[in-house]
All heavy atoms as atom14 arrays in JSON, in Angstrom:
{
  "sequence": "EHEENPSQQLVESILNTTRIHRLQPASTHALESDSIEMTFLGMILP",
  "atom14_mask": [
    [1, 1, 1, 1, 1, 1, 1, 1, 1, 0, 0, 0, 0, 0],
    [1, 1, 1, 1, 1, 1, 1, 1, 1, 1, 0, 0, 0, 0],
    [1, 1, 1, 1, 1, 1, 1, 1, 1, 0, 0, 0, 0, 0],
    [1, 1, 1, 1, 1, 1, 1, 1, 1, 0, 0, 0, 0, 0],
    [1, 1, 1, 1, 1, 1, 1, 1, 0, 0, 0, 0, 0, 0],
    [1, 1, 1, 1, 1, 1, 1, 0, 0, 0, 0, 0, 0, 0],
    [1, 1, 1, 1, 1, 1, 0, 0, 0, 0, 0, 0, 0, 0],
    [1, 1, 1, 1, 1, 1, 1, 1, 1, 0, 0, 0, 0, 0],
    [1, 1, 1, 1, 1, 1, 1, 1, 1, 0, 0, 0, 0, 0],
    [1, 1, 1, 1, 1, 1, 1, 1, 0, 0, 0, 0, 0, 0],
    [1, 1, 1, 1, 1, 1, 1, 0, 0, 0, 0, 0, 0, 0],
    [1, 1, 1, 1, 1, 1, 1, 1, 1, 0, 0, 0, 0, 0],
    [1, 1, 1, 1, 1, 1, 0, 0, 0, 0, 0, 0, 0, 0],
    [1, 1, 1, 1, 1, 1, 1, 1, 0, 0, 0, 0, 0, 0],
    [1, 1, 1, 1, 1, 1, 1, 1, 0, 0, 0, 0, 0, 0],
    [1, 1, 1, 1, 1, 1, 1, 1, 0, 0, 0, 0, 0, 0],
    [1, 1, 1, 1, 1, 1, 1, 0, 0, 0, 0, 0, 0, 0],
    [1, 1, 1, 1, 1, 1, 1, 0, 0, 0, 0, 0, 0, 0],
    [1, 1, 1, 1, 1, 1, 1, 1, 1, 1, 1, 0, 0, 0],
    [1, 1, 1, 1, 1, 1, 1, 1, 0, 0, 0, 0, 0, 0],
    [1, 1, 1, 1, 1, 1, 1, 1, 1, 1, 0, 0, 0, 0],
    [1, 1, 1, 1, 1, 1, 1, 1, 1, 1, 1, 0, 0, 0],
    [1, 1, 1, 1, 1, 1, 1, 1, 0, 0, 0, 0, 0, 0],
    [1, 1, 1, 1, 1, 1, 1, 1, 1, 0, 0, 0, 0, 0],
    [1, 1, 1, 1, 1, 1, 1, 0, 0, 0, 0, 0, 0, 0],
    [1, 1, 1, 1, 1, 0, 0, 0, 0, 0, 0, 0, 0, 0],
    [1, 1, 1, 1, 1, 1, 0, 0, 0, 0, 0, 0, 0, 0],
    [1, 1, 1, 1, 1, 1, 1, 0, 0, 0, 0, 0, 0, 0],
    [1, 1, 1, 1, 1, 1, 1, 1, 1, 1, 0, 0, 0, 0],
    [1, 1, 1, 1, 1, 0, 0, 0, 0, 0, 0, 0, 0, 0],
    [1, 1, 1, 1, 1, 1, 1, 1, 0, 0, 0, 0, 0, 0],
    [1, 1, 1, 1, 1, 1, 1, 1, 1, 0, 0, 0, 0, 0],
    [1, 1, 1, 1, 1, 1, 0, 0, 0, 0, 0, 0, 0, 0],
    [1, 1, 1, 1, 1, 1, 1, 1, 0, 0, 0, 0, 0, 0],
    [1, 1, 1, 1, 1, 1, 0, 0, 0, 0, 0, 0, 0, 0],
    [1, 1, 1, 1, 1, 1, 1, 1, 0, 0, 0, 0, 0, 0],
    [1, 1, 1, 1, 1, 1, 1, 1, 1, 0, 0, 0, 0, 0],
    [1, 1, 1, 1, 1, 1, 1, 1, 0, 0, 0, 0, 0, 0],
    [1, 1, 1, 1, 1, 1, 1, 0, 0, 0, 0, 0, 0, 0],
    [1, 1, 1, 1, 1, 1, 1, 1, 1, 1, 1, 0, 0, 0],
    [1, 1, 1, 1, 1, 1, 1, 1, 0, 0, 0, 0, 0, 0],
    [1, 1, 1, 1, 0, 0, 0, 0, 0, 0, 0, 0, 0, 0],
    [1, 1, 1, 1, 1, 1, 1, 1, 0, 0, 0, 0, 0, 0],
    [1, 1, 1, 1, 1, 1, 1, 1, 0, 0, 0, 0, 0, 0],
    [1, 1, 1, 1, 1, 1, 1, 1, 0, 0, 0, 0, 0, 0],
    [1, 1, 1, 1, 1, 1, 1, 0, 0, 0, 0, 0, 0, 0]
  ],
  "atom14_positions": [
    [[-79.43, -11.19, -90.66], [-80.27, -10.1, -90.14], [-79.5, -9.02, -89.66], [-80.0, -7.9, -89.31], [-81.32, -10.55, -89.21], [-82.38, -11.62, -89.58], [-83.3, -12.03, -88.61], [-83.03, -11.6, -87.47], [-84.32, -12.62, -88.97], [0.0, 0.0, 0.0], [0.0, 0.0, 0.0], [0.0, 0.0, 0.0], [0.0, 0.0, 0.0], [0.0, 0.0, 0.0]],
    [[-78.13, -9.05, -89.79], [-77.34, -8.07, -89.2], [-77.08, -6.87, -90.12], [-76.59, -7.12, -91.35], [-76.02, -8.66, -88.81], [-76.04, -9.69, -87.78], [-76.31, -9.32, -86.47], [-76.06, -11.04, -87.95], [-76.22, -10.55, -85.72], [-76.2, -11.47, -86.59], [0.0, 0.0, 0.0], [0.0, 0.0, 0.0], [0.0, 0.0, 0.0], [0.0, 0.0, 0.0]],
    [[-77.48, -5.65, -89.79], [-77.28, -4.53, -90.69], [-75.73, -4.08, -90.58], [-75.23, -3.48, -91.5], [-78.09, -3.38, -90.24], [-79.55, -3.69, -90.42], [-80.43, -2.44, -90.14], [-79.94, -1.47, -89.71], [-81.85, -2.59, -90.36], [0.0, 0.0, 0.0], [0.0, 0.0, 0.0], [0.0, 0.0, 0.0], [0.0, 0.0, 0.0], [0.0, 0.0, 0.0]],
    [[-74.91, -4.41, -89.46], [-73.65, -4.23, -89.35], [-72.9, -5.4, -88.85], [-73.53, -6.22, -88.23], [-73.38, -3.01, -88.26], [-73.98, -1.73, -88.88], [-73.7, -0.56, -87.8], [-73.55, -0.9, -86.51], [-73.5, 0.58, -88.2], [0.0, 0.0, 0.0], [0.0, 0.0, 0.0], [0.0, 0.0, 0.0], [0.0, 0.0, 0.0], [0.0, 0.0, 0.0]],
    [[-71.61, -5.44, -89.15], [-70.89, -6.61, -88.61], [-69.63, -6.02, -87.78], [-68.82, -5.27, -88.26], [-70.28, -7.42, -89.78], [-69.75, -8.78, -89.32], [-69.1, -8.84, -88.24], [-69.94, -9.75, -90.14], [0.0, 0.0, 0.0], [0.0, 0.0, 0.0], [0.0, 0.0, 0.0], [0.0, 0.0, 0.0], [0.0, 0.0, 0.0], [0.0, 0.0, 0.0]],
    [[-69.66, -6.28, -86.49], [-68.7, -5.82, -85.67], [-67.26, -6.21, -86.11], [-66.22, -5.47, -85.88], [-69.0, -6.45, -84.17], [-70.41, -6.67, -84.27], [-70.68, -7.21, -85.75], [0.0, 0.0, 0.0], [0.0, 0.0, 0.0], [0.0, 0.0, 0.0], [0.0, 0.0, 0.0], [0.0, 0.0, 0.0], [0.0, 0.0, 0.0], [0.0, 0.0, 0.0]],
    [[-67.03, -7.43, -86.69], [-65.75, -7.81, -87.14], [-65.27, -6.88, -88.36], [-64.1, -6.57, -88.27], [-65.82, -9.3, -87.67], [-66.4, -9.35, -89.06], [0.0, 0.0, 0.0], [0.0, 0.0, 0.0], [0.0, 0.0, 0.0], [0.0, 0.0, 0.0], [0.0, 0.0, 0.0], [0.0, 0.0, 0.0], [0.0, 0.0, 0.0], [0.0, 0.0, 0.0]],
    [[-66.21, -6.36, -89.14], [-65.79, -5.35, -90.26], [-65.28, -4.08, -89.55], [-64.29, -3.52, -89.82], [-66.95, -5.1, -91.1], [-66.62, -4.09, -92.09], [-67.76, -3.85, -93.12], [-68.91, -4.38, -92.91], [-67.47, -3.09, -94.23], [0.0, 0.0, 0.0], [0.0, 0.0, 0.0], [0.0, 0.0, 0.0], [0.0, 0.0, 0.0], [0.0, 0.0, 0.0]],
    [[-66.01, -3.69, -88.52], [-65.67, -2.44, -87.77], [-64.44, -2.54, -87.09], [-63.62, -1.59, -87.09], [-66.89, -2.03, -86.89], [-68.18, -1.79, -87.51], [-69.43, -1.61, -86.52], [-69.76, -2.67, -85.86], [-69.87, -0.5, -86.35], [0.0, 0.0, 0.0], [0.0, 0.0, 0.0], [0.0, 0.0, 0.0], [0.0, 0.0, 0.0], [0.0, 0.0, 0.0]],
    [[-64.18, -3.64, -86.48], [-62.92, -3.79, -85.68], [-61.84, -3.91, -86.62], [-60.74, -3.18, -86.3], [-63.15, -5.13, -84.79], [-61.92, -5.39, -83.94], [-61.76, -4.32, -82.76], [-62.1, -6.74, -83.31], [0.0, 0.0, 0.0], [0.0, 0.0, 0.0], [0.0, 0.0, 0.0], [0.0, 0.0, 0.0], [0.0, 0.0, 0.0], [0.0, 0.0, 0.0]],
    [[-61.89, -4.66, -87.65], [-60.71, -4.9, -88.57], [-60.44, -3.64, -89.34], [-59.27, -3.16, -89.52], [-61.03, -5.99, -89.55], [-59.97, -6.06, -90.67], [-61.01, -7.35, -88.74], [0.0, 0.0, 0.0], [0.0, 0.0, 0.0], [0.0, 0.0, 0.0], [0.0, 0.0, 0.0], [0.0, 0.0, 0.0], [0.0, 0.0, 0.0], [0.0, 0.0, 0.0]],
    [[-61.55, -2.85, -89.72], [-61.25, -1.65, -90.62], [-60.57, -0.57, -89.71], [-59.99, 0.33, -90.36], [-62.56, -1.19, -91.02], [-63.11, -1.87, -92.39], [-64.32, -1.35, -92.89], [-65.2, -0.58, -92.19], [-64.57, -1.49, -94.14], [0.0, 0.0, 0.0], [0.0, 0.0, 0.0], [0.0, 0.0, 0.0], [0.0, 0.0, 0.0], [0.0, 0.0, 0.0]],
    [[-60.63, -0.7, -88.47], [-60.13, 0.33, -87.64], [-58.5, 0.26, -87.62], [-57.89, 1.21, -87.18], [-60.57, 0.25, -86.17], [-60.12, -0.83, -85.52], [0.0, 0.0, 0.0], [0.0, 0.0, 0.0], [0.0, 0.0, 0.0], [0.0, 0.0, 0.0], [0.0, 0.0, 0.0], [0.0, 0.0, 0.0], [0.0, 0.0, 0.0], [0.0, 0.0, 0.0]],
    [[-58.02, -0.88, -87.93], [-56.5, -0.96, -88.0], [-56.03, -1.5, -89.38], [-54.77, -1.58, -89.48], [-55.99, -1.91, -86.99], [-56.58, -3.26, -86.93], [-56.25, -1.26, -85.54], [-56.0, -4.29, -86.08], [0.0, 0.0, 0.0], [0.0, 0.0, 0.0], [0.0, 0.0, 0.0], [0.0, 0.0, 0.0], [0.0, 0.0, 0.0], [0.0, 0.0, 0.0]],
    [[-56.9, -1.74, -90.37], [-56.31, -2.13, -91.69], [-55.52, -0.97, -92.25], [-55.79, 0.13, -92.28], [-57.36, -2.56, -92.62], [-57.9, -3.85, -92.71], [-59.02, -4.08, -93.78], [-56.83, -4.9, -92.9], [0.0, 0.0, 0.0], [0.0, 0.0, 0.0], [0.0, 0.0, 0.0], [0.0, 0.0, 0.0], [0.0, 0.0, 0.0], [0.0, 0.0, 0.0]],
    [[-54.33, -1.49, -92.89], [-53.5, -0.58, -93.63], [-52.76, 0.49, -92.64], [-52.55, 1.66, -92.96], [-54.07, 0.23, -94.64], [-54.65, -0.72, -95.65], [-54.04, -1.71, -96.24], [-55.98, -0.54, -96.1], [0.0, 0.0, 0.0], [0.0, 0.0, 0.0], [0.0, 0.0, 0.0], [0.0, 0.0, 0.0], [0.0, 0.0, 0.0], [0.0, 0.0, 0.0]],
    [[-52.62, 0.04, -91.32], [-51.9, 0.88, -90.42], [-50.59, 0.04, -89.96], [-50.66, -1.21, -90.05], [-52.72, 1.18, -89.25], [-52.98, -0.04, -88.42], [-53.95, 1.86, -89.61], [0.0, 0.0, 0.0], [0.0, 0.0, 0.0], [0.0, 0.0, 0.0], [0.0, 0.0, 0.0], [0.0, 0.0, 0.0], [0.0, 0.0, 0.0], [0.0, 0.0, 0.0]],
    [[-49.63, 0.76, -89.22], [-48.58, 0.08, -88.66], [-48.64, 0.54, -87.2], [-48.72, 1.71, -86.78], [-47.29, 0.43, -89.23], [-47.21, 0.05, -90.53], [-46.03, -0.09, -88.47], [0.0, 0.0, 0.0], [0.0, 0.0, 0.0], [0.0, 0.0, 0.0], [0.0, 0.0, 0.0], [0.0, 0.0, 0.0], [0.0, 0.0, 0.0], [0.0, 0.0, 0.0]],
    [[-48.55, -0.43, -86.2], [-48.59, -0.22, -84.85], [-47.46, -0.93, -84.09], [-47.11, -1.94, -84.46], [-49.92, -0.83, -84.09], [-51.12, 0.05, -84.69], [-52.47, -0.56, -83.98], [-53.63, 0.18, -84.51], [-54.45, 0.78, -83.61], [-54.27, 0.47, -82.23], [-55.44, 1.47, -83.97], [0.0, 0.0, 0.0], [0.0, 0.0, 0.0], [0.0, 0.0, 0.0]],
    [[-46.97, -0.16, -83.07], [-45.85, -0.79, -82.26], [-46.62, -1.28, -80.91], [-47.19, -0.45, -80.22], [-44.81, 0.18, -82.01], [-44.07, 0.6, -83.25], [-43.88, -0.35, -80.94], [-43.07, 1.67, -82.96], [0.0, 0.0, 0.0], [0.0, 0.0, 0.0], [0.0, 0.0, 0.0], [0.0, 0.0, 0.0], [0.0, 0.0, 0.0], [0.0, 0.0, 0.0]],
    [[-46.51, -2.62, -80.69], [-47.07, -3.17, -79.49], [-46.07, -3.71, -78.65], [-45.13, -4.31, -79.03], [-48.08, -4.28, -79.94], [-48.88, -4.71, -78.77], [-50.19, -4.2, -78.55], [-48.83, -5.77, -77.88], [-50.69, -4.82, -77.44], [-49.87, -5.77, -77.03], [0.0, 0.0, 0.0], [0.0, 0.0, 0.0], [0.0, 0.0, 0.0], [0.0, 0.0, 0.0]],
    [[-46.13, -3.29, -77.37], [-45.11, -3.9, -76.38], [-45.77, -4.9, -75.49], [-46.6, -4.63, -74.64], [-44.68, -2.64, -75.48], [-43.81, -1.69, -76.35], [-43.32, -0.51, -75.49], [-42.37, 0.28, -76.34], [-42.74, 1.29, -77.21], [-44.02, 1.49, -77.4], [-41.93, 1.92, -77.93], [0.0, 0.0, 0.0], [0.0, 0.0, 0.0], [0.0, 0.0, 0.0]],
    [[-45.23, -6.06, -75.62], [-45.66, -7.18, -74.72], [-44.75, -6.94, -73.44], [-43.62, -6.63, -73.36], [-45.21, -8.56, -75.41], [-45.99, -8.9, -76.6], [-45.3, -10.15, -77.3], [-47.46, -9.23, -76.31], [0.0, 0.0, 0.0], [0.0, 0.0, 0.0], [0.0, 0.0, 0.0], [0.0, 0.0, 0.0], [0.0, 0.0, 0.0], [0.0, 0.0, 0.0]],
    [[-45.49, -7.55, -72.36], [-44.92, -7.44, -71.05], [-43.79, -8.55, -71.02], [-43.92, -9.58, -71.7], [-45.84, -7.74, -69.91], [-46.8, -6.61, -69.79], [-46.13, -5.32, -69.48], [-45.32, -5.16, -68.71], [-46.44, -4.3, -70.32], [0.0, 0.0, 0.0], [0.0, 0.0, 0.0], [0.0, 0.0, 0.0], [0.0, 0.0, 0.0], [0.0, 0.0, 0.0]],
    [[-42.7, -8.36, -70.19], [-41.66, -9.35, -70.09], [-42.08, -10.74, -69.77], [-43.11, -10.9, -68.91], [-40.77, -8.75, -69.0], [-41.06, -7.33, -68.92], [-42.44, -7.19, -69.35], [0.0, 0.0, 0.0], [0.0, 0.0, 0.0], [0.0, 0.0, 0.0], [0.0, 0.0, 0.0], [0.0, 0.0, 0.0], [0.0, 0.0, 0.0], [0.0, 0.0, 0.0]],
    [[-41.49, -11.81, -70.34], [-41.88, -13.04, -70.15], [-41.56, -13.54, -68.67], [-42.18, -14.5, -68.2], [-41.29, -13.96, -71.11], [0.0, 0.0, 0.0], [0.0, 0.0, 0.0], [0.0, 0.0, 0.0], [0.0, 0.0, 0.0], [0.0, 0.0, 0.0], [0.0, 0.0, 0.0], [0.0, 0.0, 0.0], [0.0, 0.0, 0.0], [0.0, 0.0, 0.0]],
    [[-40.52, -12.92, -68.06], [-40.13, -13.28, -66.69], [-39.81, -12.06, -65.91], [-39.59, -11.05, -66.45], [-39.11, -14.35, -66.72], [-37.93, -13.67, -67.08], [0.0, 0.0, 0.0], [0.0, 0.0, 0.0], [0.0, 0.0, 0.0], [0.0, 0.0, 0.0], [0.0, 0.0, 0.0], [0.0, 0.0, 0.0], [0.0, 0.0, 0.0], [0.0, 0.0, 0.0]],
    [[-39.73, -12.22, -64.68], [-39.36, -10.98, -63.76], [-37.95, -10.6, -64.05], [-37.46, -9.55, -63.55], [-39.59, -11.3, -62.35], [-38.89, -12.53, -62.02], [-41.03, -11.58, -62.08], [0.0, 0.0, 0.0], [0.0, 0.0, 0.0], [0.0, 0.0, 0.0], [0.0, 0.0, 0.0], [0.0, 0.0, 0.0], [0.0, 0.0, 0.0], [0.0, 0.0, 0.0]],
    [[-37.11, -11.46, -64.66], [-35.66, -11.29, -64.89], [-35.43, -10.44, -66.18], [-34.41, -9.88, -66.42], [-34.84, -12.58, -64.92], [-35.08, -13.35, -63.71], [-34.51, -12.95, -62.45], [-35.71, -14.54, -63.46], [-34.79, -13.93, -61.62], [-35.49, -14.88, -62.16], [0.0, 0.0, 0.0], [0.0, 0.0, 0.0], [0.0, 0.0, 0.0], [0.0, 0.0, 0.0]],
    [[-36.48, -10.31, -66.96], [-36.31, -9.55, -68.22], [-36.19, -8.02, -67.94], [-36.82, -7.54, -67.08], [-37.5, -9.8, -69.17], [0.0, 0.0, 0.0], [0.0, 0.0, 0.0], [0.0, 0.0, 0.0], [0.0, 0.0, 0.0], [0.0, 0.0, 0.0], [0.0, 0.0, 0.0], [0.0, 0.0, 0.0], [0.0, 0.0, 0.0], [0.0, 0.0, 0.0]],
    [[-35.32, -7.39, -68.63], [-35.06, -5.96, -68.44], [-36.2, -5.09, -68.89], [-36.37, -4.03, -68.46], [-33.65, -5.57, -68.91], [-32.47, -6.32, -68.34], [-31.21, -5.91, -68.97], [-32.45, -5.98, -66.87], [0.0, 0.0, 0.0], [0.0, 0.0, 0.0], [0.0, 0.0, 0.0], [0.0, 0.0, 0.0], [0.0, 0.0, 0.0], [0.0, 0.0, 0.0]],
    [[-36.76, -5.48, -70.19], [-37.7, -4.61, -70.75], [-38.69, -5.48, -71.44], [-38.45, -6.6, -71.8], [-37.08, -3.53, -71.67], [-36.28, -4.16, -72.7], [-35.44, -3.11, -73.61], [-35.01, -2.11, -72.92], [-35.29, -3.36, -74.68], [0.0, 0.0, 0.0], [0.0, 0.0, 0.0], [0.0, 0.0, 0.0], [0.0, 0.0, 0.0], [0.0, 0.0, 0.0]],
    [[-39.73, -4.88, -71.93], [-40.87, -5.49, -72.69], [-40.41, -5.7, -74.13], [-39.47, -5.0, -74.59], [-42.11, -4.79, -72.67], [-41.92, -3.5, -73.22], [0.0, 0.0, 0.0], [0.0, 0.0, 0.0], [0.0, 0.0, 0.0], [0.0, 0.0, 0.0], [0.0, 0.0, 0.0], [0.0, 0.0, 0.0], [0.0, 0.0, 0.0], [0.0, 0.0, 0.0]],
    [[-40.96, -6.74, -74.81], [-40.65, -6.92, -76.28], [-41.49, -5.97, -76.97], [-42.67, -5.87, -76.85], [-40.91, -8.36, -76.58], [-40.01, -9.37, -75.97], [-38.83, -8.98, -75.99], [-40.4, -10.37, -75.66], [0.0, 0.0, 0.0], [0.0, 0.0, 0.0], [0.0, 0.0, 0.0], [0.0, 0.0, 0.0], [0.0, 0.0, 0.0], [0.0, 0.0, 0.0]],
    [[-40.8, -5.31, -77.91], [-41.52, -4.27, -78.85], [-41.69, -4.82, -80.32], [-40.67, -5.26, -80.85], [-40.76, -2.98, -78.86], [-41.39, -2.08, -79.71], [0.0, 0.0, 0.0], [0.0, 0.0, 0.0], [0.0, 0.0, 0.0], [0.0, 0.0, 0.0], [0.0, 0.0, 0.0], [0.0, 0.0, 0.0], [0.0, 0.0, 0.0], [0.0, 0.0, 0.0]],
    [[-42.82, -5.01, -80.72], [-43.18, -5.57, -82.07], [-43.84, -4.59, -82.92], [-44.92, -3.98, -82.53], [-44.0, -6.81, -81.86], [-43.16, -7.79, -80.94], [-44.23, -7.31, -83.28], [-43.98, -9.09, -80.74], [0.0, 0.0, 0.0], [0.0, 0.0, 0.0], [0.0, 0.0, 0.0], [0.0, 0.0, 0.0], [0.0, 0.0, 0.0], [0.0, 0.0, 0.0]],
    [[-43.19, -4.18, -84.16], [-43.92, -3.33, -85.06], [-44.66, -4.19, -86.07], [-44.21, -4.96, -86.7], [-42.72, -2.55, -85.81], [-43.36, -1.6, -86.82], [-42.31, -0.71, -87.48], [-41.43, -0.14, -86.71], [-42.13, -0.81, -88.68], [0.0, 0.0, 0.0], [0.0, 0.0, 0.0], [0.0, 0.0, 0.0], [0.0, 0.0, 0.0], [0.0, 0.0, 0.0]],
    [[-46.0, -3.99, -85.97], [-46.9, -4.73, -86.8], [-47.53, -4.01, -87.85], [-48.18, -2.96, -87.62], [-48.03, -5.57, -86.01], [-47.34, -6.41, -84.96], [-48.55, -7.19, -83.88], [-49.29, -5.89, -82.97], [0.0, 0.0, 0.0], [0.0, 0.0, 0.0], [0.0, 0.0, 0.0], [0.0, 0.0, 0.0], [0.0, 0.0, 0.0], [0.0, 0.0, 0.0]],
    [[-47.52, -4.46, -89.17], [-48.25, -3.85, -90.25], [-49.43, -4.69, -90.5], [-49.2, -5.9, -90.78], [-47.32, -3.6, -91.46], [-46.19, -2.71, -91.13], [-48.15, -2.99, -92.64], [0.0, 0.0, 0.0], [0.0, 0.0, 0.0], [0.0, 0.0, 0.0], [0.0, 0.0, 0.0], [0.0, 0.0, 0.0], [0.0, 0.0, 0.0], [0.0, 0.0, 0.0]],
    [[-50.62, -4.15, -90.57], [-51.81, -4.88, -90.79], [-52.35, -4.64, -92.25], [-52.81, -3.58, -92.58], [-52.91, -4.41, -89.88], [-52.61, -4.85, -88.42], [-52.05, -3.87, -87.58], [-52.97, -6.03, -87.77], [-51.7, -4.17, -86.29], [-52.52, -6.34, -86.61], [-51.96, -5.42, -85.7], [0.0, 0.0, 0.0], [0.0, 0.0, 0.0], [0.0, 0.0, 0.0]],
    [[-52.23, -5.69, -93.08], [-52.84, -5.75, -94.34], [-54.07, -6.7, -94.37], [-54.1, -7.54, -93.47], [-51.7, -6.13, -95.44], [-50.45, -5.48, -95.46], [-49.64, -6.02, -96.46], [-50.79, -3.94, -95.7], [0.0, 0.0, 0.0], [0.0, 0.0, 0.0], [0.0, 0.0, 0.0], [0.0, 0.0, 0.0], [0.0, 0.0, 0.0], [0.0, 0.0, 0.0]],
    [[-54.83, -6.61, -95.31], [-55.97, -7.51, -95.35], [-57.15, -6.95, -96.16], [-57.12, -6.1, -96.9], [0.0, 0.0, 0.0], [0.0, 0.0, 0.0], [0.0, 0.0, 0.0], [0.0, 0.0, 0.0], [0.0, 0.0, 0.0], [0.0, 0.0, 0.0], [0.0, 0.0, 0.0], [0.0, 0.0, 0.0], [0.0, 0.0, 0.0], [0.0, 0.0, 0.0]],
    [[-58.39, -7.46, -95.7], [-59.56, -7.04, -96.4], [-60.86, -7.55, -95.7], [-60.71, -8.28, -94.74], [-59.6, -7.65, -97.85], [-59.66, -9.26, -97.96], [-59.82, -9.87, -99.47], [-58.37, -9.39, -100.36], [0.0, 0.0, 0.0], [0.0, 0.0, 0.0], [0.0, 0.0, 0.0], [0.0, 0.0, 0.0], [0.0, 0.0, 0.0], [0.0, 0.0, 0.0]],
    [[-61.97, -6.99, -96.01], [-63.27, -7.32, -95.57], [-63.92, -8.38, -96.53], [-64.02, -8.05, -97.72], [-64.2, -6.18, -95.34], [-63.57, -5.08, -94.39], [-65.55, -6.7, -94.82], [-63.04, -5.61, -92.99], [0.0, 0.0, 0.0], [0.0, 0.0, 0.0], [0.0, 0.0, 0.0], [0.0, 0.0, 0.0], [0.0, 0.0, 0.0], [0.0, 0.0, 0.0]],
    [[-64.12, -9.5, -96.16], [-64.61, -10.59, -96.97], [-66.14, -10.74, -97.14], [-66.78, -10.55, -96.07], [-64.07, -11.96, -96.4], [-62.59, -12.1, -96.08], [-62.4, -13.41, -95.43], [-61.78, -12.03, -97.4], [0.0, 0.0, 0.0], [0.0, 0.0, 0.0], [0.0, 0.0, 0.0], [0.0, 0.0, 0.0], [0.0, 0.0, 0.0], [0.0, 0.0, 0.0]],
    [[-66.51, -11.02, -98.31], [-67.98, -11.38, -98.39], [-68.27, -12.63, -97.7], [-67.38, -13.52, -97.7], [-68.1, -11.4, -99.97], [-66.8, -11.78, -100.55], [-65.76, -11.09, -99.55], [0.0, 0.0, 0.0], [0.0, 0.0, 0.0], [0.0, 0.0, 0.0], [0.0, 0.0, 0.0], [0.0, 0.0, 0.0], [0.0, 0.0, 0.0], [0.0, 0.0, 0.0]]
  ]
}
């Protein structure tokens, strides 16, 4: 009965994009956060 699917809206907002995400340091001794460049590929499934 759903006219829209939030999963489609959420996924489509980043499909075919590249984002740099910075994770916080795993410990207080780390000098800087880990930077990860993620490319999102995929599709909306029936």
